[in-house]
PDB file of N, CA and C in Angstrom:
ATOM      1  N   MET A   1       0.566  -1.122   0.114  1.00  0.00           N
ATOM      2  CA  MET A   1      -0.311   0.298  -0.110  1.00  0.00           C
ATOM      3  C   MET A   1       0.985   1.273   0.080  1.00  0.00           C
ATOM      4  N   ASN A   2       0.704   2.172  -1.251  1.00  0.00           N
ATOM      5  CA  ASN A   2       1.414   3.257  -1.270  1.00  0.00           C
ATOM      6  C   ASN A   2       0.502   4.509   0.042  1.00  0.00           C
ATOM      7  N   THR A   3       1.086   4.634   0.612  1.00  0.00           N
ATOM      8  CA  THR A   3       0.885   6.079   1.629  1.00  0.00           C
ATOM      9  C   THR A   3       1.500   6.840   2.093  1.00  0.00           C
ATOM     10  N   THR A   4       1.215   7.837   1.944  1.00  0.00           N
ATOM     11  CA  THR A   4       1.927   9.301   2.401  1.00  0.00           C
ATOM     12  C   THR A   4       0.845   9.694   3.471  1.00  0.00           C
ATOM     13  N   ALA A   5       1.688  11.054   4.004  1.00  0.00           N
ATOM     14  CA  ALA A   5       0.825  11.704   4.832  1.00  0.00           C
ATOM     15  C   ALA A   5      -0.357  12.519   4.735  1.00  0.00           C
ATOM     16  N   GLU A   6       0.018  12.828   2.593  1.00  0.00           N
ATOM     17  CA  GLU A   6      -1.127  13.628   2.130  1.00  0.00           C
ATOM     18  C   GLU A   6      -2.033  12.321   1.497  1.00  0.00           C
ATOM     19  N   THR A   7      -2.371  10.965   2.180  1.00  0.00           N
ATOM     20  CA  THR A   7      -3.128  10.069   1.539  1.00  0.00           C
ATOM     21  C   THR A   7      -4.424  10.531   1.961  1.00  0.00           C
ATOM     22  N   ARG A   8      -5.358  10.510   0.619  1.00  0.00           N
ATOM     23  CA  ARG A   8      -7.355  10.706   0.582  1.00  0.00           C
ATOM     24  C   ARG A   8      -7.533   9.567   0.914  1.00  0.00           C
ATOM     25  N   ILE A   9      -8.993   9.748   1.309  1.00  0.00           N
ATOM     26  CA  ILE A   9      -9.353   8.833   1.987  1.00  0.00           C
ATOM     27  C   ILE A   9     -10.563   9.264   1.604  1.00  0.00           C
ATOM     28  N   THR A  10     -11.348   8.503   0.995  1.00  0.00           N
ATOM     29  CA  THR A  10     -13.113   9.022   0.693  1.00  0.00           C
ATOM     30  C   THR A  10     -13.522   7.597   1.106  1.00  0.00           C
ATOM     31  N   VAL A  11     -15.132   7.995   1.410  1.00  0.00           N
ATOM     32  CA  VAL A  11     -15.819   6.989   2.318  1.00  0.00           C
ATOM     33  C   VAL A  11     -17.146   7.318   1.514  1.00  0.00           C
ATOM     34  N   TYR A  12     -17.608   6.340   0.586  1.00  0.00           N
ATOM     35  CA  TYR A  12     -18.827   6.606  -0.568  1.00  0.00           C
ATOM     36  C   TYR A  12     -20.099   5.786   0.167  1.00  0.00           C
ATOM     37  N   SER A  13     -21.015   6.832   0.967  1.00  0.00           N
ATOM     38  CA  SER A  13     -21.820   6.255   1.739  1.00  0.00           C
ATOM     39  C   SER A  13     -23.255   6.834   1.436  1.00  0.00           C
ATOM     40  N   LYS A  14     -24.114   5.992   2.252  1.00  0.00           N
ATOM     41  CA  LYS A  14     -25.733   6.581   1.990  1.00  0.00           C
ATOM     42  C   LYS A  14     -26.558   6.436   3.412  1.00  0.00           C
ATOM     43  N   PRO A  15     -27.330   7.312   3.688  1.00  0.00           N
ATOM     44  CA  PRO A  15     -28.117   7.792   4.470  1.00  0.00           C
ATOM     45  C   PRO A  15     -28.635   6.087   5.376  1.00  0.00           C
ATOM     46  N   ALA A  16     -28.730   5.850   6.576  1.00  0.00           N
ATOM     47  CA  ALA A  16     -28.959   4.904   7.533  1.00  0.00           C
ATOM     48  C   ALA A  16     -28.868   3.295   6.773  1.00  0.00           C
ATOM     49  N   CYS A  17     -26.891   3.773   6.590  1.00  0.00           N
ATOM     50  CA  CYS A  17     -26.412   2.391   6.090  1.00  0.00           C
ATOM     51  C   CYS A  17     -25.392   2.018   7.722  1.00  0.00           C
ATOM     52  N   VAL A  18     -25.738   0.721   8.072  1.00  0.00           N
ATOM     53  CA  VAL A  18     -25.384   0.328   9.194  1.00  0.00           C
ATOM     54  C   VAL A  18     -23.806  -0.146   9.517  1.00  0.00           C
ATOM     55  N   GLN A  19     -23.195   0.045   7.832  1.00  0.00           N
ATOM     56  CA  GLN A  19     -22.164  -0.208   7.473  1.00  0.00           C
ATOM     57  C   GLN A  19     -21.100   0.526   7.672  1.00  0.00           C
ATOM     58  N   CYS A  20     -21.913   1.800   6.749  1.00  0.00           N
ATOM     59  CA  CYS A  20     -21.680   3.230   6.153  1.00  0.00           C
ATOM     60  C   CYS A  20     -20.885   4.043   7.852  1.00  0.00           C
ATOM     61  N   ASN A  21     -21.828   3.761   8.518  1.00  0.00           N
ATOM     62  CA  ASN A  21     -21.712   4.384   9.973  1.00  0.00           C
ATOM     63  C   ASN A  21     -20.896   3.862  10.906  1.00  0.00           C
ATOM     64  N   MET A  22     -20.432   2.075  10.863  1.00  0.00           N
ATOM     65  CA  MET A  22     -19.523   1.506  11.228  1.00  0.00           C
ATOM     66  C   MET A  22     -17.895   2.037  10.736  1.00  0.00           C
ATOM     67  N   THR A  23     -18.196   1.743   9.685  1.00  0.00           N
ATOM     68  CA  THR A  23     -16.719   2.535   8.725  1.00  0.00           C
ATOM     69  C   THR A  23     -16.078   4.054   9.172  1.00  0.00           C
ATOM     70  N   LYS A  24     -16.971   4.793   9.247  1.00  0.00           N
ATOM     71  CA  LYS A  24     -16.398   6.476   9.856  1.00  0.00           C
ATOM     72  C   LYS A  24     -16.022   6.272  10.921  1.00  0.00           C
ATOM     73  N   LYS A  25     -16.874   5.440  12.209  1.00  0.00           N
ATOM     74  CA  LYS A  25     -16.454   5.607  13.549  1.00  0.00           C
ATOM     75  C   LYS A  25     -14.919   4.720  13.449  1.00  0.00           C
ATOM     76  N   ALA A  26     -14.892   3.714  12.571  1.00  0.00           N
ATOM     77  CA  ALA A  26     -13.726   3.041  12.879  1.00  0.00           C
ATOM     78  C   ALA A  26     -12.575   3.540  12.733  1.00  0.00           C
ATOM     79  N   LEU A  27     -12.821   4.657  11.184  1.00  0.00           N
ATOM     80  CA  LEU A  27     -11.901   5.320  10.988  1.00  0.00           C
ATOM     81  C   LEU A  27     -11.527   7.103  11.986  1.00  0.00           C
ATOM     82  N   ASP A  28     -12.559   7.139  12.352  1.00  0.00           N
ATOM     83  CA  ASP A  28     -12.663   8.499  13.322  1.00  0.00           C
ATOM     84  C   ASP A  28     -11.758   7.590  14.477  1.00  0.00           C
ATOM     85  N   LYS A  29     -12.099   6.602  14.836  1.00  0.00           N
ATOM     86  CA  LYS A  29     -11.123   5.741  16.408  1.00  0.00           C
ATOM     87  C   LYS A  29      -9.943   6.178  16.463  1.00  0.00           C
ATOM     88  N   LYS A  30      -9.270   5.592  14.376  1.00  0.00           N
ATOM     89  CA  LYS A  30      -8.035   5.962  14.388  1.00  0.00           C
ATOM     90  C   LYS A  30      -7.509   6.727  14.006  1.00  0.00           C
ATOM     91  N   GLY A  31      -8.420   7.856  14.266  1.00  0.00           N
ATOM     92  CA  GLY A  31      -7.607   9.269  13.706  1.00  0.00           C
ATOM     93  C   GLY A  31      -7.530   9.452  12.156  1.00  0.00           C
ATOM     94  N   LEU A  32      -7.986   8.683  11.091  1.00  0.00           N
ATOM     95  CA  LEU A  32      -7.959   8.744   9.920  1.00  0.00           C
ATOM     96  C   LEU A  32      -8.707   9.935   9.459  1.00  0.00           C
ATOM     97  N   ALA A  33      -8.154  10.761   9.044  1.00  0.00           N
ATOM     98  CA  ALA A  33      -9.423  12.167   8.067  1.00  0.00           C
ATOM     99  C   ALA A  33      -9.627  11.306   6.882  1.00  0.00           C
ATOM    100  N   TYR A  34     -11.113  11.549   6.200  1.00  0.00           N
ATOM    101  CA  TYR A  34     -11.331  11.069   5.102  1.00  0.00           C
ATOM    102  C   TYR A  34     -13.144  11.974   4.775  1.00  0.00           C
ATOM    103  N   THR A  35     -13.321  11.840   3.205  1.00  0.00           N
ATOM    104  CA  THR A  35     -14.149  12.718   2.748  1.00  0.00           C
ATOM    105  C   THR A  35     -15.247  12.073   2.850  1.00  0.00           C
ATOM    106  N   GLU A  36     -16.345  12.643   2.689  1.00  0.00           N
ATOM    107  CA  GLU A  36     -17.967  11.340   2.741  1.00  0.00           C
ATOM    108  C   GLU A  36     -18.348  12.074   1.767  1.00  0.00           C
ATOM    109  N   VAL A  37     -19.030  10.898   0.868  1.00  0.00           N
ATOM    110  CA  VAL A  37     -19.655  11.826  -0.528  1.00  0.00           C
ATOM    111  C   VAL A  37     -20.978  10.690  -0.236  1.00  0.00           C
ATOM    112  N   ASP A  38     -22.103  11.355  -0.028  1.00  0.00           N
ATOM    113  CA  ASP A  38     -23.044  10.657  -0.165  1.00  0.00           C
ATOM    114  C   ASP A  38     -23.877  10.496  -1.300  1.00  0.00           C
ATOM    115  N   VAL A  39     -23.772   9.369  -1.615  1.00  0.00           N
ATOM    116  CA  VAL A  39     -24.001   8.540  -3.372  1.00  0.00           C
ATOM    117  C   VAL A  39     -25.596   8.490  -3.737  1.00  0.00           C
ATOM    118  N   THR A  40     -26.285   9.139  -2.546  1.00  0.00           N
ATOM    119  CA  THR A  40     -28.265   9.155  -3.159  1.00  0.00           C
ATOM    120  C   THR A  40     -27.821  10.820  -3.679  1.00  0.00           C
ATOM    121  N   THR A  41     -26.799  11.531  -3.462  1.00  0.00           N
ATOM    122  CA  THR A  41     -27.477  12.975  -3.411  1.00  0.00           C
ATOM    123  C   THR A  41     -26.139  13.546  -4.772  1.00  0.00           C
ATOM    124  N   THR A  42     -25.076  12.631  -5.157  1.00  0.00           N
ATOM    125  CA  THR A  42     -24.019  12.839  -6.057  1.00  0.00           C
ATOM    126  C   THR A  42     -24.001  11.532  -6.815  1.00  0.00           C
ATOM    127  N   PRO A  43     -24.892  11.977  -8.175  1.00  0.00           N
ATOM    128  CA  PRO A  43     -25.141  11.166  -9.196  1.00  0.00           C
ATOM    129  C   PRO A  43     -23.277  10.407  -9.668  1.00  0.00           C
ATOM    130  N   ALA A  44     -22.747  11.404  -9.507  1.00  0.00           N
ATOM    131  CA  ALA A  44     -21.577  10.962 -10.295  1.00  0.00           C
ATOM    132  C   ALA A  44     -20.555  10.423  -9.725  1.00  0.00           C
ATOM    133  N   ALA A  45     -21.035  10.510  -8.271  1.00  0.00           N
ATOM    134  CA  ALA A  45     -20.127   9.384  -7.468  1.00  0.00           C
ATOM    135  C   ALA A  45     -20.804   8.136  -7.680  1.00  0.00           C
ATOM    136  N   LEU A  46     -22.104   7.735  -7.502  1.00  0.00           N
ATOM    137  CA  LEU A  46     -23.020   6.549  -7.419  1.00  0.00           C
ATOM    138  C   LEU A  46     -22.140   5.875  -9.060  1.00  0.00           C
ATOM    139  N   GLU A  47     -22.242   6.790  -9.873  1.00  0.00           N
ATOM    140  CA  GLU A  47     -21.905   5.926 -10.778  1.00  0.00           C
ATOM    141  C   GLU A  47     -20.810   5.413 -10.983  1.00  0.00           C
ATOM    142  N   TYR A  48     -19.447   6.217 -10.251  1.00  0.00           N
ATOM    143  CA  TYR A  48     -17.573   6.051  -9.760  1.00  0.00           C
ATOM    144  C   TYR A  48     -17.952   4.184  -9.478  1.00  0.00           C
ATOM    145  N   ILE A  49     -18.070   4.332  -8.544  1.00  0.00           N
ATOM    146  CA  ILE A  49     -18.283   3.506  -7.675  1.00  0.00           C
ATOM    147  C   ILE A  49     -19.025   1.922  -8.163  1.00  0.00           C
ATOM    148  N   THR A  50     -20.506   2.388  -8.315  1.00  0.00           N
ATOM    149  CA  THR A  50     -20.900   1.397  -9.614  1.00  0.00           C
ATOM    150  C   THR A  50     -20.501   0.640 -11.080  1.00  0.00           C
ATOM    151  N   GLU A  51     -19.902   2.040 -11.723  1.00  0.00           N
ATOM    152  CA  GLU A  51     -19.717   1.241 -13.168  1.00  0.00           C
ATOM    153  C   GLU A  51     -17.973   1.427 -13.168  1.00  0.00           C
ATOM    154  N   ASP A  52     -17.232   2.695 -12.823  1.00  0.00           N
ATOM    155  CA  ASP A  52     -16.087   2.829 -12.628  1.00  0.00           C
ATOM    156  C   ASP A  52     -15.323   1.073 -11.490  1.00  0.00           C
ATOM    157  N   LEU A  53     -15.617   1.127 -10.565  1.00  0.00           N
ATOM    158  CA  LEU A  53     -14.961   0.188  -9.453  1.00  0.00           C
ATOM    159  C   LEU A  53     -16.036  -0.939  -9.513  1.00  0.00           C
ATOM    160  N   GLY A  54     -17.100  -1.329  -9.750  1.00  0.00           N
ATOM    161  CA  GLY A  54     -17.979  -2.468  -9.768  1.00  0.00           C
ATOM    162  C   GLY A  54     -18.347  -2.503  -8.801  1.00  0.00           C
ATOM    163  N   TYR A  55     -18.565  -1.772  -7.658  1.00  0.00           N
ATOM    164  CA  TYR A  55     -19.384  -2.263  -6.590  1.00  0.00           C
ATOM    165  C   TYR A  55     -20.860  -2.262  -6.505  1.00  0.00           C
ATOM    166  N   SER A  56     -21.405  -2.934  -6.012  1.00  0.00           N
ATOM    167  CA  SER A  56     -23.112  -2.619  -5.739  1.00  0.00           C
ATOM    168  C   SER A  56     -23.936  -2.684  -4.097  1.00  0.00           C
ATOM    169  N   MET A  57     -22.598  -2.029  -3.579  1.00  0.00           N
ATOM    170  CA  MET A  57     -22.803  -2.168  -2.115  1.00  0.00           C
ATOM    171  C   MET A  57     -22.227  -0.994  -1.293  1.00  0.00           C
ATOM    172  N   ALA A  58     -22.664   0.157  -0.083  1.00  0.00           N
ATOM    173  CA  ALA A  58     -22.184   0.552   0.626  1.00  0.00           C
ATOM    174  C   ALA A  58     -21.692  -0.171   2.018  1.00  0.00           C
ATOM    175  N   PRO A  59     -20.457   0.940   2.546  1.00  0.00           N
ATOM    176  CA  PRO A  59     -20.121   2.146   1.799  1.00  0.00           C
ATOM    177  C   PRO A  59     -18.636   1.301   0.481  1.00  0.00           C
ATOM    178  N   VAL A  60     -18.201   2.089  -0.122  1.00  0.00           N
ATOM    179  CA  VAL A  60     -17.038   1.966  -0.925  1.00  0.00           C
ATOM    180  C   VAL A  60     -16.107   2.926  -0.245  1.00  0.00           C
ATOM    181  N   ILE A  61     -14.710   2.541   0.656  1.00  0.00           N
ATOM    182  CA  ILE A  61     -14.107   3.219   0.711  1.00  0.00           C
ATOM    183  C   ILE A  61     -12.414   3.406   0.018  1.00  0.00           C
ATOM    184  N   VAL A  62     -12.543   4.224  -0.705  1.00  0.00           N
ATOM    185  CA  VAL A  62     -11.061   4.694  -1.809  1.00  0.00           C
ATOM    186  C   VAL A  62      -9.518   5.227  -0.999  1.00  0.00           C
ATOM    187  N   VAL A  63      -8.977   4.466  -0.793  1.00  0.00           N
ATOM    188  CA  VAL A  63      -7.679   4.965  -0.169  1.00  0.00           C
ATOM    189  C   VAL A  63      -6.630   5.508  -1.783  1.00  0.00           C
ATOM    190  N   ASP A  64      -6.471   6.743  -1.457  1.00  0.00           N
ATOM    191  CA  ASP A  64      -5.480   7.292  -3.004  1.00  0.00           C
ATOM    192  C   ASP A  64      -5.334   6.735  -4.395  1.00  0.00           C
ATOM    193  N   ASP A  65      -7.049   6.787  -4.567  1.00  0.00           N
ATOM    194  CA  ASP A  65      -7.020   5.786  -5.895  1.00  0.00           C
ATOM    195  C   ASP A  65      -7.302   4.507  -6.338  1.00  0.00           C
ATOM    196  N   ASP A  66      -6.033   3.822  -5.654  1.00  0.00           N
ATOM    197  CA  ASP A  66      -5.569   2.522  -6.082  1.00  0.00           C
ATOM    198  C   ASP A  66      -6.205   1.294  -4.939  1.00  0.00           C
ATOM    199  N   ASN A  67      -6.634   1.797  -3.856  1.00  0.00           N
ATOM    200  CA  ASN A  67      -6.464   1.040  -2.941  1.00  0.00           C
ATOM    201  C   ASN A  67      -8.228   1.273  -2.378  1.00  0.00           C
ATOM    202  N   HIS A  68      -9.069   0.172  -2.476  1.00  0.00           N
ATOM    203  CA  HIS A  68     -10.616   0.683  -2.707  1.00  0.00           C
ATOM    204  C   HIS A  68     -10.856  -0.956  -2.069  1.00  0.00           C
ATOM    205  N   TRP A  69     -12.353  -0.912  -1.313  1.00  0.00           N
ATOM    206  CA  TRP A  69     -13.074  -2.196  -1.082  1.00  0.00           C
ATOM    207  C   TRP A  69     -14.181  -1.340  -0.780  1.00  0.00           C
ATOM    208  N   ALA A  70     -15.251  -2.300  -0.182  1.00  0.00           N
ATOM    209  CA  ALA A  70     -16.645  -2.140  -0.061  1.00  0.00           C
ATOM    210  C   ALA A  70     -16.987  -3.130   0.859  1.00  0.00           C
ATOM    211  N   GLY A  71     -17.982  -1.816   1.716  1.00  0.00           N
ATOM    212  CA  GLY A  71     -18.255  -2.672   3.122  1.00  0.00           C
ATOM    213  C   GLY A  71     -17.483  -2.390   4.415  1.00  0.00           C
ATOM    214  N   PHE A  72     -17.889  -2.728   5.608  1.00  0.00           N
ATOM    215  CA  PHE A  72     -17.126  -2.211   6.989  1.00  0.00           C
ATOM    216  C   PHE A  72     -16.135  -3.798   6.989  1.00  0.00           C
ATOM    217  N   ASN A  73     -14.904  -3.132   6.983  1.00  0.00           N
ATOM    218  CA  ASN A  73     -13.877  -4.129   6.915  1.00  0.00           C
ATOM    219  C   ASN A  73     -12.609  -3.636   8.051  1.00  0.00           C
ATOM    220  N   PRO A  74     -12.520  -3.783   9.060  1.00  0.00           N
ATOM    221  CA  PRO A  74     -12.053  -3.802  10.765  1.00  0.00           C
ATOM    222  C   PRO A  74     -10.316  -3.964  10.028  1.00  0.00           C
ATOM    223  N   ASP A  75     -10.178  -4.703   9.155  1.00  0.00           N
ATOM    224  CA  ASP A  75      -9.129  -5.006   8.931  1.00  0.00           C
ATOM    225  C   ASP A  75      -8.454  -4.618   7.636  1.00  0.00           C
ATOM    226  N   ARG A  76      -8.471  -3.932   7.248  1.00  0.00           N
ATOM    227  CA  ARG A  76      -8.304  -3.190   5.747  1.00  0.00           C
ATOM    228  C   ARG A  76      -8.295  -1.875   6.563  1.00  0.00           C
ATOM    229  N   ILE A  77      -9.149  -1.325   7.734  1.00  0.00           N
ATOM    230  CA  ILE A  77      -8.730  -0.197   8.058  1.00  0.00           C
ATOM    231  C   ILE A  77      -7.681   0.218   8.713  1.00  0.00           C
ATOM    232  N   GLU A  78      -7.782  -0.928  10.024  1.00  0.00           N
ATOM    233  CA  GLU A  78      -6.239  -1.032  10.672  1.00  0.00           C
ATOM    234  C   GLU A  78      -4.994  -1.256   9.907  1.00  0.00           C
ATOM    235  N   ALA A  79      -5.428  -1.872   8.521  1.00  0.00           N
ATOM    236  CA  ALA A  79      -3.697  -1.761   7.277  1.00  0.00           C
ATOM    237  C   ALA A  79      -3.528  -0.731   7.077  1.00  0.00           C
ATOM    238  N   VAL A  80      -4.662   0.623   6.668  1.00  0.00           N
ATOM    239  CA  VAL A  80      -4.070   1.419   6.005  1.00  0.00           C
ATOM    240  C   VAL A  80      -3.778   2.921   7.300  1.00  0.00           C
ATOM    241  N   ALA A  81      -4.381   2.470   8.444  1.00  0.00           N
ATOM    242  CA  ALA A  81      -3.576   3.261   9.669  1.00  0.00           C
ATOM    243  C   ALA A  81      -2.441   2.746   9.950  1.00  0.00           C
ATOM    244  N   ALA A  82      -1.821   1.558   9.855  1.00  0.00           N
ATOM    245  CA  ALA A  82      -0.368   1.073  10.379  1.00  0.00           C
ATOM    246  C   ALA A  82       0.377   1.617   9.304  1.00  0.00           C
ATOM    247  N   ALA A  83      -0.282   1.329   8.379  1.00  0.00           N
ATOM    248  CA  ALA A  83       0.518   1.914   6.838  1.00  0.00           C
ATOM    249  C   ALA A  83       1.359   3.268   7.036  1.00  0.00           C
ATOM    250  N   LEU A  84      -0.273   4.360   7.434  1.00  0.00           N
ATOM    251  CA  LEU A  84      -0.053   5.516   7.715  1.00  0.00           C
ATOM    252  C   LEU A  84       0.951   5.776   8.824  1.00  0.00           C
ATOM    253  N   SER A  85       0.794   5.145   9.818  1.00  0.00           N
ATOM    254  CA  SER A  85       1.517   5.663  10.915  1.00  0.00           C
ATOM    255  C   SER A  85       3.309   5.136  10.731  1.00  0.00           C
ATOM    256  N   ARG A  86       3.496   4.545   9.931  1.00  0.00           N
ATOM    257  CA  ARG A  86       4.903   4.103   9.517  1.00  0.00           C
ATOM    258  C   ARG A  86       5.761   5.298   8.739  1.00  0.00           C
ATOM    259  N   THR A  87       4.638   5.938   7.984  1.00  0.00           N
ATOM    260  CA  THR A  87       5.060   6.877   7.190  1.00  0.00           C
ATOM    261  C   THR A  87       5.544   8.025   7.813  1.00  0.00           C
ATOM    262  N   ALA A  88       4.543   8.202   8.862  1.00  0.00           N
ATOM    263  CA  ALA A  88       4.717   9.608   9.978  1.00  0.00           C
ATOM    264  C   ALA A  88       5.576   9.997  10.489  1.00  0.00           C
TER     265      ALA A  88
END
C-alpha cells in the first residue's frame, strides 16, 4: 500500500447505512481523516463506484485512488492506519 502524509481517504456512503456508520466510526477511532460522499445525492459518485469500480453496496472506501473496498472491513482500516503510522 502506497501511503503518505497526504493520503486521501474517501468514504462513499448513503443515509441509514449501518456499515457506513461503522466504517466512519472506525476511521474516526483511528484518527484517519476522510471525505464522505453521499451517493444518494451525488449521481457522479454513484456512477463511479458502480460503473468504474464495480461495487453494488455501500460503503465504498477509496484510499489514494488505487486501494478500495466495499463494506465495513476493520482489517483494511487497520492496515491503512498502520501504513500511515509508518510514514508519519
